[in-house]
Amino acid sequence: MSTRDLVLCALFAALLGGLGMAPPIPLGFLPVPVTAQTLGVMLAGTILGAKRGGIAALLFVLLVAAGLPLLAGGRGGIGVLMGPTGGFVLSWPIAAFVTGWLAERFATNANPIRLFAVSVLGGILVVYAGGIPWLSLVAGLPIEKALFGSLAFVPGDLIKAGVAAVAASGVRRAGILPIHA
């Protein structure tokens, strides 16, 4: 990896942390709050691509594991990662990688519709695939309750996917960060 790649990975890890400054919105019926941070996961994949996006999200998760209070609400540490929300956060590197991989193959231009689709597939479905079973296991919820409770997040996540698609489209049109690097 070049110095530029390392800087981009660090920058997007910082972006994930910055998005954690937005206060979480608790739903009450699930121990998982609504946060802005999955937007950063989608942006990392759609703008940086698979390798750099996945590394950026992995760096962020490692910083959280080390105890830095970078998650929404100022949370951090191994205890948070092993708690009910941990599966969602631990899935972020995979989600950023998958989003980037899909973007590299199916959204190589600045088409916001394709970027939206890859954000949904990688940035929402992958996160839910990791988070919902973990939530069920750790919180002792039936998988159906964890799944149906998580449906409350879908509208907000679709909005975040739209924002990521528009932002990534703009960055790509400007040509400042080629996805293949």
N, C-alpha and C. Protein backbone atom coordinates (compact mmCIF):
# COMPACT_ATOMS: atom_id res chain seq x y z
N MET A 1 0.85 -1.19 0.00
CA MET A 1 0.00 0.00 0.00
C MET A 1 0.88 1.24 0.00
N SER A 2 0.46 2.22 -0.74
CA SER A 2 1.20 3.47 -0.81
C SER A 2 0.86 4.35 0.40
N THR A 3 1.64 5.38 0.58
CA THR A 3 1.37 6.34 1.64
C THR A 3 0.00 6.97 1.43
N ARG A 4 -0.33 7.25 0.20
CA ARG A 4 -1.64 7.83 -0.13
C ARG A 4 -2.76 6.89 0.30
N ASP A 5 -2.61 5.59 0.04
CA ASP A 5 -3.62 4.62 0.45
C ASP A 5 -3.77 4.60 1.98
N LEU A 6 -2.66 4.62 2.68
CA LEU A 6 -2.71 4.61 4.14
C LEU A 6 -3.41 5.86 4.68
N VAL A 7 -3.11 7.00 4.07
CA VAL A 7 -3.75 8.25 4.49
C VAL A 7 -5.26 8.18 4.23
N LEU A 8 -5.66 7.66 3.07
CA LEU A 8 -7.08 7.55 2.76
C LEU A 8 -7.78 6.60 3.74
N CYS A 9 -7.14 5.50 4.08
CA CYS A 9 -7.72 4.57 5.05
C CYS A 9 -7.88 5.25 6.41
N ALA A 10 -6.87 5.97 6.84
CA ALA A 10 -6.94 6.68 8.12
C ALA A 10 -8.01 7.77 8.07
N LEU A 11 -8.11 8.46 6.95
CA LEU A 11 -9.10 9.51 6.80
C LEU A 11 -10.52 8.96 6.91
N PHE A 12 -10.77 7.83 6.27
CA PHE A 12 -12.11 7.26 6.32
C PHE A 12 -12.39 6.60 7.67
N ALA A 13 -11.37 6.10 8.35
CA ALA A 13 -11.57 5.63 9.73
C ALA A 13 -11.95 6.82 10.61
N ALA A 14 -11.31 7.97 10.38
CA ALA A 14 -11.66 9.18 11.12
C ALA A 14 -13.07 9.64 10.78
N LEU A 15 -13.46 9.51 9.52
CA LEU A 15 -14.82 9.85 9.12
C LEU A 15 -15.84 9.00 9.88
N LEU A 16 -15.56 7.70 10.00
CA LEU A 16 -16.44 6.83 10.78
C LEU A 16 -16.54 7.32 12.22
N GLY A 17 -15.40 7.72 12.78
CA GLY A 17 -15.41 8.25 14.14
C GLY A 17 -16.18 9.56 14.23
N GLY A 18 -15.99 10.41 13.24
CA GLY A 18 -16.71 11.68 13.22
C GLY A 18 -18.22 11.49 13.13
N LEU A 19 -18.65 10.52 12.34
CA LEU A 19 -20.08 10.23 12.25
C LEU A 19 -20.63 9.70 13.57
N GLY A 20 -19.75 9.19 14.42
CA GLY A 20 -20.16 8.74 15.74
C GLY A 20 -20.46 9.89 16.69
N MET A 21 -20.08 11.09 16.29
CA MET A 21 -20.36 12.27 17.12
C MET A 21 -21.85 12.63 17.10
N ALA A 22 -22.53 12.22 16.04
CA ALA A 22 -23.99 12.43 16.00
C ALA A 22 -24.61 11.56 17.09
N PRO A 23 -25.45 12.12 17.92
CA PRO A 23 -26.00 11.32 19.02
C PRO A 23 -26.83 10.15 18.51
N PRO A 24 -26.69 8.99 19.16
CA PRO A 24 -27.49 7.84 18.76
C PRO A 24 -28.96 8.06 19.13
N ILE A 25 -29.83 7.44 18.37
CA ILE A 25 -31.26 7.53 18.64
C ILE A 25 -31.73 6.16 19.11
N PRO A 26 -32.02 6.02 20.41
CA PRO A 26 -32.50 4.72 20.90
C PRO A 26 -33.93 4.46 20.44
N LEU A 27 -34.20 3.20 20.16
CA LEU A 27 -35.55 2.83 19.73
C LEU A 27 -36.39 2.28 20.87
N GLY A 28 -35.76 1.82 21.92
CA GLY A 28 -36.50 1.33 23.07
C GLY A 28 -36.81 -0.16 23.05
N PHE A 29 -37.19 -0.69 21.91
CA PHE A 29 -37.55 -2.09 21.85
C PHE A 29 -36.38 -2.98 21.44
N LEU A 30 -35.24 -2.39 21.08
CA LEU A 30 -34.02 -3.13 20.76
C LEU A 30 -32.84 -2.40 21.40
N PRO A 31 -31.81 -3.13 21.83
CA PRO A 31 -30.66 -2.45 22.41
C PRO A 31 -29.69 -1.89 21.36
N VAL A 32 -30.17 -1.64 20.16
CA VAL A 32 -29.36 -1.14 19.06
C VAL A 32 -29.89 0.24 18.68
N PRO A 33 -29.06 1.30 18.78
CA PRO A 33 -29.56 2.63 18.42
C PRO A 33 -29.40 2.92 16.93
N VAL A 34 -30.12 3.91 16.46
CA VAL A 34 -29.92 4.43 15.11
C VAL A 34 -28.71 5.34 15.16
N THR A 35 -27.75 5.12 14.28
CA THR A 35 -26.55 5.96 14.22
C THR A 35 -26.27 6.35 12.77
N ALA A 36 -25.35 7.30 12.60
CA ALA A 36 -24.96 7.74 11.26
C ALA A 36 -23.77 6.95 10.73
N GLN A 37 -23.20 6.09 11.54
CA GLN A 37 -21.92 5.48 11.18
C GLN A 37 -21.97 4.49 10.02
N THR A 38 -23.09 3.86 9.77
CA THR A 38 -23.14 2.97 8.61
C THR A 38 -23.03 3.76 7.30
N LEU A 39 -23.36 5.04 7.34
CA LEU A 39 -23.11 5.89 6.18
C LEU A 39 -21.62 5.90 5.85
N GLY A 40 -20.79 5.96 6.86
CA GLY A 40 -19.34 5.95 6.66
C GLY A 40 -18.85 4.64 6.07
N VAL A 41 -19.47 3.54 6.46
CA VAL A 41 -19.12 2.23 5.91
C VAL A 41 -19.42 2.21 4.41
N MET A 42 -20.60 2.71 4.05
CA MET A 42 -20.99 2.75 2.64
C MET A 42 -20.07 3.68 1.85
N LEU A 43 -19.75 4.83 2.41
CA LEU A 43 -18.85 5.77 1.73
C LEU A 43 -17.47 5.17 1.54
N ALA A 44 -16.96 4.48 2.56
CA ALA A 44 -15.64 3.87 2.45
C ALA A 44 -15.59 2.89 1.29
N GLY A 45 -16.62 2.06 1.16
CA GLY A 45 -16.64 1.09 0.07
C GLY A 45 -16.84 1.72 -1.28
N THR A 46 -17.81 2.63 -1.40
CA THR A 46 -18.12 3.19 -2.71
C THR A 46 -17.06 4.16 -3.21
N ILE A 47 -16.35 4.80 -2.31
CA ILE A 47 -15.33 5.78 -2.72
C ILE A 47 -13.94 5.16 -2.77
N LEU A 48 -13.58 4.38 -1.76
CA LEU A 48 -12.22 3.83 -1.70
C LEU A 48 -12.07 2.49 -2.39
N GLY A 49 -13.15 1.76 -2.58
CA GLY A 49 -13.05 0.42 -3.15
C GLY A 49 -12.92 -0.62 -2.05
N ALA A 50 -12.83 -1.88 -2.47
CA ALA A 50 -12.86 -3.01 -1.55
C ALA A 50 -11.70 -3.01 -0.56
N LYS A 51 -10.50 -3.00 -1.07
CA LYS A 51 -9.32 -3.15 -0.20
C LYS A 51 -9.19 -1.98 0.76
N ARG A 52 -9.15 -0.76 0.24
CA ARG A 52 -8.96 0.40 1.10
C ARG A 52 -10.17 0.64 1.99
N GLY A 53 -11.38 0.44 1.47
CA GLY A 53 -12.57 0.62 2.28
C GLY A 53 -12.63 -0.37 3.43
N GLY A 54 -12.32 -1.64 3.14
CA GLY A 54 -12.30 -2.66 4.19
C GLY A 54 -11.25 -2.38 5.25
N ILE A 55 -10.07 -1.92 4.81
CA ILE A 55 -9.00 -1.60 5.76
C ILE A 55 -9.39 -0.40 6.62
N ALA A 56 -10.02 0.60 6.02
CA ALA A 56 -10.46 1.77 6.79
C ALA A 56 -11.43 1.36 7.89
N ALA A 57 -12.41 0.52 7.55
CA ALA A 57 -13.39 0.08 8.55
C ALA A 57 -12.74 -0.83 9.59
N LEU A 58 -11.79 -1.67 9.15
CA LEU A 58 -11.07 -2.53 10.10
C LEU A 58 -10.25 -1.69 11.08
N LEU A 59 -9.58 -0.67 10.58
CA LEU A 59 -8.82 0.22 11.45
C LEU A 59 -9.74 0.84 12.48
N PHE A 60 -10.90 1.30 12.05
CA PHE A 60 -11.86 1.88 12.97
C PHE A 60 -12.26 0.88 14.06
N VAL A 61 -12.59 -0.35 13.67
CA VAL A 61 -13.01 -1.37 14.64
C VAL A 61 -11.87 -1.67 15.61
N LEU A 62 -10.64 -1.71 15.12
CA LEU A 62 -9.49 -1.95 16.01
C LEU A 62 -9.33 -0.82 17.01
N LEU A 63 -9.56 0.41 16.58
CA LEU A 63 -9.48 1.55 17.49
C LEU A 63 -10.58 1.48 18.55
N VAL A 64 -11.77 1.05 18.15
CA VAL A 64 -12.85 0.86 19.12
C VAL A 64 -12.49 -0.25 20.09
N ALA A 65 -11.95 -1.35 19.57
CA ALA A 65 -11.55 -2.47 20.44
C ALA A 65 -10.49 -2.04 21.44
N ALA A 66 -9.62 -1.12 21.03
CA ALA A 66 -8.57 -0.63 21.92
C ALA A 66 -9.12 0.29 23.00
N GLY A 67 -10.40 0.62 22.91
CA GLY A 67 -11.03 1.41 23.96
C GLY A 67 -11.35 2.84 23.60
N LEU A 68 -11.00 3.28 22.40
CA LEU A 68 -11.34 4.65 22.03
C LEU A 68 -12.86 4.80 21.92
N PRO A 69 -13.41 5.87 22.47
CA PRO A 69 -14.87 6.06 22.48
C PRO A 69 -15.38 6.64 21.16
N LEU A 70 -15.26 5.87 20.09
CA LEU A 70 -15.57 6.35 18.75
C LEU A 70 -16.96 5.98 18.25
N LEU A 71 -17.61 5.09 18.95
CA LEU A 71 -18.96 4.72 18.53
C LEU A 71 -19.96 5.76 19.01
N ALA A 72 -21.09 5.81 18.35
CA ALA A 72 -22.13 6.78 18.72
C ALA A 72 -22.41 6.70 20.22
N GLY A 73 -22.54 7.85 20.83
CA GLY A 73 -22.75 7.90 22.27
C GLY A 73 -21.45 7.83 23.07
N GLY A 74 -20.29 7.89 22.39
CA GLY A 74 -19.01 7.86 23.08
C GLY A 74 -18.66 6.50 23.65
N ARG A 75 -19.07 5.46 22.98
CA ARG A 75 -18.79 4.11 23.46
C ARG A 75 -17.57 3.54 22.76
N GLY A 76 -16.92 2.62 23.42
CA GLY A 76 -15.78 1.93 22.85
C GLY A 76 -15.34 0.81 23.79
N GLY A 77 -14.45 -0.03 23.31
CA GLY A 77 -13.91 -1.12 24.12
C GLY A 77 -14.44 -2.47 23.71
N ILE A 78 -13.74 -3.49 24.17
CA ILE A 78 -14.11 -4.87 23.86
C ILE A 78 -15.51 -5.20 24.37
N GLY A 79 -15.87 -4.66 25.53
CA GLY A 79 -17.18 -4.94 26.10
C GLY A 79 -18.31 -4.52 25.17
N VAL A 80 -18.14 -3.39 24.50
CA VAL A 80 -19.16 -2.92 23.55
C VAL A 80 -19.22 -3.87 22.35
N LEU A 81 -18.04 -4.28 21.87
CA LEU A 81 -18.01 -5.18 20.72
C LEU A 81 -18.58 -6.56 21.04
N MET A 82 -18.51 -6.96 22.29
CA MET A 82 -19.07 -8.25 22.69
C MET A 82 -20.53 -8.14 23.12
N GLY A 83 -21.06 -6.91 23.17
CA GLY A 83 -22.44 -6.67 23.57
C GLY A 83 -23.41 -6.87 22.42
N PRO A 84 -24.68 -6.53 22.63
CA PRO A 84 -25.72 -6.76 21.63
C PRO A 84 -25.47 -6.08 20.28
N THR A 85 -24.82 -4.91 20.28
CA THR A 85 -24.59 -4.19 19.03
C THR A 85 -23.30 -4.62 18.34
N GLY A 86 -22.51 -5.45 19.00
CA GLY A 86 -21.19 -5.82 18.49
C GLY A 86 -21.18 -6.46 17.12
N GLY A 87 -22.15 -7.28 16.82
CA GLY A 87 -22.19 -7.94 15.51
C GLY A 87 -22.34 -6.96 14.36
N PHE A 88 -23.08 -5.90 14.61
CA PHE A 88 -23.23 -4.87 13.57
C PHE A 88 -21.88 -4.20 13.32
N VAL A 89 -21.22 -3.78 14.39
CA VAL A 89 -19.94 -3.07 14.27
C VAL A 89 -18.86 -3.99 13.70
N LEU A 90 -18.80 -5.22 14.17
CA LEU A 90 -17.79 -6.15 13.67
C LEU A 90 -17.99 -6.50 12.20
N SER A 91 -19.20 -6.31 11.69
CA SER A 91 -19.45 -6.59 10.28
C SER A 91 -19.02 -5.44 9.38
N TRP A 92 -18.72 -4.27 9.93
CA TRP A 92 -18.39 -3.11 9.10
C TRP A 92 -17.22 -3.31 8.15
N PRO A 93 -16.10 -3.91 8.58
CA PRO A 93 -15.03 -4.12 7.59
C PRO A 93 -15.46 -5.01 6.43
N ILE A 94 -16.22 -6.04 6.72
CA ILE A 94 -16.71 -6.93 5.65
C ILE A 94 -17.67 -6.16 4.75
N ALA A 95 -18.55 -5.37 5.37
CA ALA A 95 -19.54 -4.61 4.60
C ALA A 95 -18.85 -3.58 3.70
N ALA A 96 -17.84 -2.89 4.22
CA ALA A 96 -17.11 -1.91 3.39
C ALA A 96 -16.40 -2.62 2.25
N PHE A 97 -15.80 -3.78 2.54
CA PHE A 97 -15.12 -4.54 1.51
C PHE A 97 -16.11 -5.00 0.43
N VAL A 98 -17.23 -5.57 0.84
CA VAL A 98 -18.22 -6.06 -0.13
C VAL A 98 -18.79 -4.89 -0.94
N THR A 99 -19.10 -3.79 -0.28
CA THR A 99 -19.61 -2.62 -0.99
C THR A 99 -18.59 -2.17 -2.03
N GLY A 100 -17.32 -2.09 -1.63
CA GLY A 100 -16.27 -1.70 -2.56
C GLY A 100 -16.08 -2.69 -3.69
N TRP A 101 -16.14 -3.96 -3.37
CA TRP A 101 -15.98 -5.00 -4.39
C TRP A 101 -17.10 -4.89 -5.42
N LEU A 102 -18.32 -4.73 -4.93
CA LEU A 102 -19.46 -4.58 -5.85
C LEU A 102 -19.33 -3.30 -6.67
N ALA A 103 -18.88 -2.23 -6.04
CA ALA A 103 -18.72 -0.96 -6.75
C ALA A 103 -17.65 -1.08 -7.83
N GLU A 104 -16.59 -1.80 -7.53
CA GLU A 104 -15.50 -1.97 -8.51
C GLU A 104 -15.97 -2.76 -9.73
N ARG A 105 -16.93 -3.63 -9.55
CA ARG A 105 -17.37 -4.48 -10.64
C ARG A 105 -18.62 -4.00 -11.35
N PHE A 106 -19.54 -3.39 -10.61
CA PHE A 106 -20.84 -3.08 -11.18
C PHE A 106 -21.18 -1.59 -11.21
N ALA A 107 -20.34 -0.77 -10.62
CA ALA A 107 -20.63 0.67 -10.59
C ALA A 107 -19.35 1.45 -10.87
N THR A 108 -18.67 1.06 -11.94
CA THR A 108 -17.38 1.68 -12.23
C THR A 108 -17.50 3.12 -12.70
N ASN A 109 -18.67 3.52 -13.12
CA ASN A 109 -18.86 4.92 -13.50
C ASN A 109 -19.45 5.68 -12.31
N ALA A 110 -19.95 6.85 -12.54
CA ALA A 110 -20.51 7.66 -11.46
C ALA A 110 -22.03 7.52 -11.37
N ASN A 111 -22.57 6.39 -11.82
CA ASN A 111 -24.01 6.18 -11.84
C ASN A 111 -24.55 6.04 -10.41
N PRO A 112 -25.32 7.04 -9.92
CA PRO A 112 -25.79 6.98 -8.54
C PRO A 112 -26.77 5.84 -8.28
N ILE A 113 -27.49 5.38 -9.29
CA ILE A 113 -28.43 4.28 -9.08
C ILE A 113 -27.67 2.99 -8.79
N ARG A 114 -26.62 2.75 -9.54
CA ARG A 114 -25.80 1.55 -9.27
C ARG A 114 -25.08 1.68 -7.93
N LEU A 115 -24.60 2.88 -7.62
CA LEU A 115 -23.93 3.09 -6.33
C LEU A 115 -24.90 2.91 -5.17
N PHE A 116 -26.16 3.30 -5.37
CA PHE A 116 -27.18 3.06 -4.36
C PHE A 116 -27.38 1.56 -4.18
N ALA A 117 -27.48 0.82 -5.28
CA ALA A 117 -27.69 -0.63 -5.20
C ALA A 117 -26.54 -1.33 -4.47
N VAL A 118 -25.30 -0.96 -4.78
CA VAL A 118 -24.19 -1.62 -4.10
C VAL A 118 -24.12 -1.20 -2.63
N SER A 119 -24.56 0.02 -2.32
CA SER A 119 -24.60 0.45 -0.91
C SER A 119 -25.63 -0.35 -0.14
N VAL A 120 -26.76 -0.64 -0.77
CA VAL A 120 -27.79 -1.44 -0.12
C VAL A 120 -27.29 -2.87 0.09
N LEU A 121 -26.73 -3.46 -0.96
CA LEU A 121 -26.28 -4.86 -0.85
C LEU A 121 -25.13 -5.02 0.14
N GLY A 122 -24.12 -4.19 0.00
CA GLY A 122 -22.96 -4.33 0.87
C GLY A 122 -23.11 -3.63 2.21
N GLY A 123 -23.65 -2.42 2.18
CA GLY A 123 -23.68 -1.61 3.39
C GLY A 123 -24.88 -1.83 4.30
N ILE A 124 -25.91 -2.46 3.78
CA ILE A 124 -27.07 -2.75 4.62
C ILE A 124 -27.20 -4.26 4.83
N LEU A 125 -27.31 -5.02 3.75
CA LEU A 125 -27.54 -6.47 3.90
C LEU A 125 -26.41 -7.17 4.64
N VAL A 126 -25.16 -6.82 4.33
CA VAL A 126 -24.04 -7.47 5.01
C VAL A 126 -24.02 -7.10 6.49
N VAL A 127 -24.29 -5.83 6.80
CA VAL A 127 -24.32 -5.41 8.20
C VAL A 127 -25.43 -6.14 8.95
N TYR A 128 -26.60 -6.25 8.35
CA TYR A 128 -27.70 -6.97 9.00
C TYR A 128 -27.38 -8.46 9.14
N ALA A 129 -26.72 -9.03 8.13
CA ALA A 129 -26.38 -10.46 8.18
C ALA A 129 -25.43 -10.76 9.33
N GLY A 130 -24.58 -9.82 9.68
CA GLY A 130 -23.69 -10.01 10.83
C GLY A 130 -24.33 -9.60 12.14
N GLY A 131 -25.12 -8.54 12.10
CA GLY A 131 -25.65 -7.98 13.34
C GLY A 131 -26.86 -8.67 13.91
N ILE A 132 -27.77 -9.09 13.07
CA ILE A 132 -29.02 -9.67 13.58
C ILE A 132 -28.79 -11.00 14.30
N PRO A 133 -28.03 -11.94 13.73
CA PRO A 133 -27.79 -13.18 14.49
C PRO A 133 -27.02 -12.93 15.79
N TRP A 134 -26.07 -12.00 15.75
CA TRP A 134 -25.31 -11.66 16.96
C TRP A 134 -26.25 -11.08 18.02
N LEU A 135 -27.10 -10.14 17.61
CA LEU A 135 -28.07 -9.54 18.53
C LEU A 135 -28.95 -10.61 19.15
N SER A 136 -29.44 -11.53 18.35
CA SER A 136 -30.28 -12.61 18.84
C SER A 136 -29.54 -13.44 19.89
N LEU A 137 -28.30 -13.79 19.58
CA LEU A 137 -27.51 -14.62 20.48
C LEU A 137 -27.18 -13.90 21.79
N VAL A 138 -26.62 -12.71 21.68
CA VAL A 138 -26.13 -12.00 22.86
C VAL A 138 -27.28 -11.46 23.72
N ALA A 139 -28.32 -10.95 23.08
CA ALA A 139 -29.44 -10.37 23.84
C ALA A 139 -30.47 -11.43 24.23
N GLY A 140 -30.29 -12.65 23.75
CA GLY A 140 -31.23 -13.72 24.09
C GLY A 140 -32.60 -13.53 23.47
N LEU A 141 -32.62 -12.88 22.30
CA LEU A 141 -33.87 -12.67 21.59
C LEU A 141 -34.08 -13.78 20.58
N PRO A 142 -35.32 -14.17 20.36
CA PRO A 142 -35.57 -15.08 19.24
C PRO A 142 -35.12 -14.38 17.94
N ILE A 143 -34.58 -15.13 17.01
CA ILE A 143 -34.05 -14.55 15.77
C ILE A 143 -35.15 -13.76 15.04
N GLU A 144 -36.38 -14.23 15.12
CA GLU A 144 -37.48 -13.53 14.45
C GLU A 144 -37.68 -12.14 15.05
N LYS A 145 -37.59 -12.04 16.38
CA LYS A 145 -37.77 -10.74 17.04
C LYS A 145 -36.62 -9.81 16.68
N ALA A 146 -35.40 -10.34 16.66
CA ALA A 146 -34.25 -9.52 16.27
C ALA A 146 -34.38 -9.05 14.83
N LEU A 147 -34.83 -9.94 13.97
CA LEU A 147 -35.01 -9.60 12.55
C LEU A 147 -36.10 -8.55 12.37
N PHE A 148 -37.26 -8.78 12.93
CA PHE A 148 -38.36 -7.84 12.74
C PHE A 148 -38.10 -6.51 13.45
N GLY A 149 -37.43 -6.55 14.58
CA GLY A 149 -37.06 -5.30 15.26
C GLY A 149 -36.09 -4.49 14.43
N SER A 150 -35.21 -5.17 13.72
CA SER A 150 -34.23 -4.49 12.89
C SER A 150 -34.84 -3.83 11.66
N LEU A 151 -36.03 -4.25 11.29
CA LEU A 151 -36.71 -3.63 10.14
C LEU A 151 -36.97 -2.15 10.37
N ALA A 152 -37.01 -1.72 11.63
CA ALA A 152 -37.21 -0.30 11.93
C ALA A 152 -36.04 0.55 11.42
N PHE A 153 -34.89 -0.06 11.19
CA PHE A 153 -33.71 0.67 10.72
C PHE A 153 -33.67 0.82 9.20
N VAL A 154 -34.46 0.04 8.50
CA VAL A 154 -34.38 0.01 7.03
C VAL A 154 -34.63 1.38 6.39
N PRO A 155 -35.67 2.13 6.76
CA PRO A 155 -35.87 3.43 6.10
C PRO A 155 -34.66 4.36 6.25
N GLY A 156 -34.12 4.46 7.44
CA GLY A 156 -32.95 5.31 7.66
C GLY A 156 -31.73 4.82 6.90
N ASP A 157 -31.57 3.50 6.86
CA ASP A 157 -30.43 2.94 6.14
C ASP A 157 -30.56 3.17 4.63
N LEU A 158 -31.77 3.14 4.12
CA LEU A 158 -31.97 3.43 2.70
C LEU A 158 -31.65 4.89 2.40
N ILE A 159 -31.98 5.78 3.31
CA ILE A 159 -31.61 7.19 3.14
C ILE A 159 -30.09 7.33 3.14
N LYS A 160 -29.43 6.64 4.07
CA LYS A 160 -27.95 6.69 4.12
C LYS A 160 -27.35 6.13 2.84
N ALA A 161 -27.94 5.07 2.29
CA ALA A 161 -27.44 4.51 1.03
C ALA A 161 -27.59 5.53 -0.09
N GLY A 162 -28.70 6.27 -0.09
CA GLY A 162 -28.89 7.31 -1.09
C GLY A 162 -27.87 8.43 -0.96
N VAL A 163 -27.61 8.86 0.27
CA VAL A 163 -26.61 9.90 0.51
C VAL A 163 -25.23 9.41 0.06
N ALA A 164 -24.89 8.17 0.40
CA ALA A 164 -23.60 7.61 -0.01
C ALA A 164 -23.48 7.55 -1.52
N ALA A 165 -24.56 7.17 -2.20
CA ALA A 165 -24.54 7.06 -3.66
C ALA A 165 -24.31 8.42 -4.30
N VAL A 166 -25.01 9.42 -3.82
CA VAL A 166 -24.87 10.78 -4.38
C VAL A 166 -23.46 11.32 -4.11
N ALA A 167 -22.98 11.14 -2.88
CA ALA A 167 -21.64 11.63 -2.54
C ALA A 167 -20.56 10.90 -3.35
N ALA A 168 -20.67 9.58 -3.43
CA ALA A 168 -19.67 8.81 -4.19
C ALA A 168 -19.73 9.17 -5.67
N SER A 169 -20.92 9.39 -6.18
CA SER A 169 -21.06 9.79 -7.58
C SER A 169 -20.35 11.11 -7.83
N GLY A 170 -20.51 12.05 -6.93
CA GLY A 170 -19.85 13.34 -7.07
C GLY A 170 -18.34 13.23 -7.00
N VAL A 171 -17.84 12.44 -6.07
CA VAL A 171 -16.39 12.24 -5.95
C VAL A 171 -15.84 11.58 -7.21
N ARG A 172 -16.57 10.60 -7.72
CA ARG A 172 -16.11 9.90 -8.94
C ARG A 172 -16.14 10.81 -10.15
N ARG A 173 -17.20 11.63 -10.28
CA ARG A 173 -17.25 12.56 -11.40
C ARG A 173 -16.10 13.56 -11.34
N ALA A 174 -15.72 13.97 -10.14
CA ALA A 174 -14.62 14.91 -9.98
C ALA A 174 -13.28 14.24 -10.31
N GLY A 175 -13.23 12.91 -10.23
CA GLY A 175 -12.02 12.17 -10.57
C GLY A 175 -10.88 12.31 -9.59
N ILE A 176 -11.19 12.67 -8.35
CA ILE A 176 -10.11 12.88 -7.37
C ILE A 176 -9.69 11.61 -6.64
N LEU A 177 -10.55 10.63 -6.59
CA LEU A 177 -10.22 9.37 -5.91
C LEU A 177 -10.62 8.21 -6.80
N PRO A 178 -9.74 7.74 -7.66
CA PRO A 178 -10.12 6.59 -8.49
C PRO A 178 -10.33 5.35 -7.61
N ILE A 179 -11.43 4.64 -7.86
CA ILE A 179 -11.76 3.48 -7.04
C ILE A 179 -10.74 2.36 -7.23
N HIS A 180 -10.18 2.24 -8.42
CA HIS A 180 -9.15 1.23 -8.67
C HIS A 180 -7.80 1.86 -8.41
N ALA A 181 -7.19 1.47 -7.31
CA ALA A 181 -5.87 2.02 -7.01
C ALA A 181 -4.99 0.97 -6.39
